[in-house]
Amino acid sequence: MNLAEREAELIEIFEWIEDETDRYVQIMDYGKRLPEFPEESRIEQNEVKGCQSKVWLTYKFDNGKLNLQADSNTAITKG
């Protein structure tokens, strides 16, 4: 599945969910499915400044693709 197809799928899912609380639950569920964020990457250099939550973001280029990995101390932000 390419990025445009995944985007269209997510839009369809969230349009189908009418209840706002259920949308938050869906977002938090996505966060639970993320790969484990390495503890050694939770450093100030990787911290996203200006957020109320703690958010860490790392990236690397691999075979012409940009790979992002992120984590947060709150479930909604993580999702």
C-alpha atoms as a PDB file:
ATOM      1  CA  MET A   1       0.000   0.000   0.000  1.00  0.00           C
ATOM      2  CA  ASN A   2       1.436   3.365  -0.948  1.00  0.00           C
ATOM      3  CA  LEU A   3       1.191   6.560   1.073  1.00  0.00           C
ATOM      4  CA  ALA A   4      -1.772   7.997  -0.847  1.00  0.00           C
ATOM      5  CA  GLU A   5      -3.741   4.764  -0.417  1.00  0.00           C
ATOM      6  CA  ARG A   6      -2.975   4.657   3.319  1.00  0.00           C
ATOM      7  CA  GLU A   7      -4.010   8.299   3.682  1.00  0.00           C
ATOM      8  CA  ALA A   8      -7.312   7.615   1.905  1.00  0.00           C
ATOM      9  CA  GLU A   9      -7.908   4.593   4.148  1.00  0.00           C
ATOM     10  CA  LEU A  10      -7.321   6.615   7.326  1.00  0.00           C
ATOM     11  CA  ILE A  11      -9.613   9.408   6.136  1.00  0.00           C
ATOM     12  CA  GLU A  12     -12.334   6.856   5.430  1.00  0.00           C
ATOM     13  CA  ILE A  13     -11.916   5.251   8.866  1.00  0.00           C
ATOM     14  CA  PHE A  14     -12.140   8.552  10.727  1.00  0.00           C
ATOM     15  CA  GLU A  15     -15.089   9.795   8.654  1.00  0.00           C
ATOM     16  CA  TRP A  16     -16.915   6.581   9.536  1.00  0.00           C
ATOM     17  CA  ILE A  17     -16.342   7.070  13.289  1.00  0.00           C
ATOM     18  CA  GLU A  18     -18.990   9.581  14.335  1.00  0.00           C
ATOM     19  CA  ASP A  19     -18.344   9.768  18.073  1.00  0.00           C
ATOM     20  CA  GLU A  20     -15.419  12.009  19.026  1.00  0.00           C
ATOM     21  CA  THR A  21     -14.480   9.793  21.967  1.00  0.00           C
ATOM     22  CA  ASP A  22     -14.299   6.775  19.670  1.00  0.00           C
ATOM     23  CA  ARG A  23     -11.939   8.738  17.393  1.00  0.00           C
ATOM     24  CA  TYR A  24      -9.613   9.310  20.348  1.00  0.00           C
ATOM     25  CA  VAL A  25      -9.773   5.620  21.198  1.00  0.00           C
ATOM     26  CA  GLN A  26      -8.816   4.776  17.600  1.00  0.00           C
ATOM     27  CA  ILE A  27      -5.858   7.194  17.706  1.00  0.00           C
ATOM     28  CA  MET A  28      -4.642   5.691  20.996  1.00  0.00           C
ATOM     29  CA  ASP A  29      -4.986   2.192  19.517  1.00  0.00           C
ATOM     30  CA  TYR A  30      -2.695   3.189  16.642  1.00  0.00           C
ATOM     31  CA  GLY A  31      -0.156   4.386  19.198  1.00  0.00           C
ATOM     32  CA  LYS A  32      -0.201   0.996  20.931  1.00  0.00           C
ATOM     33  CA  ARG A  33       0.709  -0.680  17.648  1.00  0.00           C
ATOM     34  CA  LEU A  34       3.874   1.342  17.097  1.00  0.00           C
ATOM     35  CA  PRO A  35       7.242  -0.371  17.395  1.00  0.00           C
ATOM     36  CA  GLU A  36       9.021   0.126  20.699  1.00  0.00           C
ATOM     37  CA  PHE A  37      10.882   3.435  20.804  1.00  0.00           C
ATOM     38  CA  PRO A  38      14.504   2.933  21.888  1.00  0.00           C
ATOM     39  CA  GLU A  39      15.188   4.229  25.383  1.00  0.00           C
ATOM     40  CA  GLU A  40      18.545   5.612  24.230  1.00  0.00           C
ATOM     41  CA  SER A  41      16.682   7.874  21.770  1.00  0.00           C
ATOM     42  CA  ARG A  42      14.800   9.671  24.567  1.00  0.00           C
ATOM     43  CA  ILE A  43      17.350  12.449  24.714  1.00  0.00           C
ATOM     44  CA  GLU A  44      16.973  16.220  24.668  1.00  0.00           C
ATOM     45  CA  GLN A  45      18.345  16.400  21.114  1.00  0.00           C
ATOM     46  CA  ASN A  46      15.358  14.319  19.886  1.00  0.00           C
ATOM     47  CA  GLU A  47      12.728  16.088  21.973  1.00  0.00           C
ATOM     48  CA  VAL A  48      10.118  18.150  20.115  1.00  0.00           C
ATOM     49  CA  LYS A  49      10.142  21.566  21.764  1.00  0.00           C
ATOM     50  CA  GLY A  50       6.956  23.501  22.493  1.00  0.00           C
ATOM     51  CA  CYS A  51       4.676  20.542  23.164  1.00  0.00           C
ATOM     52  CA  GLN A  52       2.777  20.174  26.416  1.00  0.00           C
ATOM     53  CA  SER A  53       3.532  16.460  26.273  1.00  0.00           C
ATOM     54  CA  LYS A  54       6.973  14.919  26.048  1.00  0.00           C
ATOM     55  CA  VAL A  55       7.524  13.978  22.411  1.00  0.00           C
ATOM     56  CA  TRP A  56      10.636  12.446  20.873  1.00  0.00           C
ATOM     57  CA  LEU A  57      11.272  12.150  17.144  1.00  0.00           C
ATOM     58  CA  THR A  58      14.068  10.464  15.233  1.00  0.00           C
ATOM     59  CA  TYR A  59      14.574   9.967  11.522  1.00  0.00           C
ATOM     60  CA  LYS A  60      16.861   8.230   9.076  1.00  0.00           C
ATOM     61  CA  PHE A  61      17.077   7.822   5.327  1.00  0.00           C
ATOM     62  CA  ASP A  62      17.053   4.235   4.076  1.00  0.00           C
ATOM     63  CA  ASN A  63      17.099   3.318   0.385  1.00  0.00           C
ATOM     64  CA  GLY A  64      15.680   6.705  -0.620  1.00  0.00           C
ATOM     65  CA  LYS A  65      12.907   6.606   1.987  1.00  0.00           C
ATOM     66  CA  LEU A  66      12.544   8.782   5.049  1.00  0.00           C
ATOM     67  CA  ASN A  67      11.804   6.677   8.132  1.00  0.00           C
ATOM     68  CA  LEU A  68      10.403   8.460  11.180  1.00  0.00           C
ATOM     69  CA  GLN A  69      10.111   7.032  14.659  1.00  0.00           C
ATOM     70  CA  ALA A  70       8.360   8.900  17.442  1.00  0.00           C
ATOM     71  CA  ASP A  71       7.103   8.434  20.954  1.00  0.00           C
ATOM     72  CA  SER A  72       5.260  10.431  23.600  1.00  0.00           C
ATOM     73  CA  ASN A  73       4.405  10.152  27.258  1.00  0.00           C
ATOM     74  CA  THR A  74       0.695  10.616  26.412  1.00  0.00           C
ATOM     75  CA  ALA A  75      -1.456   8.114  24.540  1.00  0.00           C
ATOM     76  CA  ILE A  76      -3.209  10.543  22.179  1.00  0.00           C
ATOM     77  CA  THR A  77      -0.004  12.288  21.131  1.00  0.00           C
ATOM     78  CA  LYS A  78       1.704   8.936  20.658  1.00  0.00           C
ATOM     79  CA  GLY A  79      -1.118   7.769  18.383  1.00  0.00           C
END
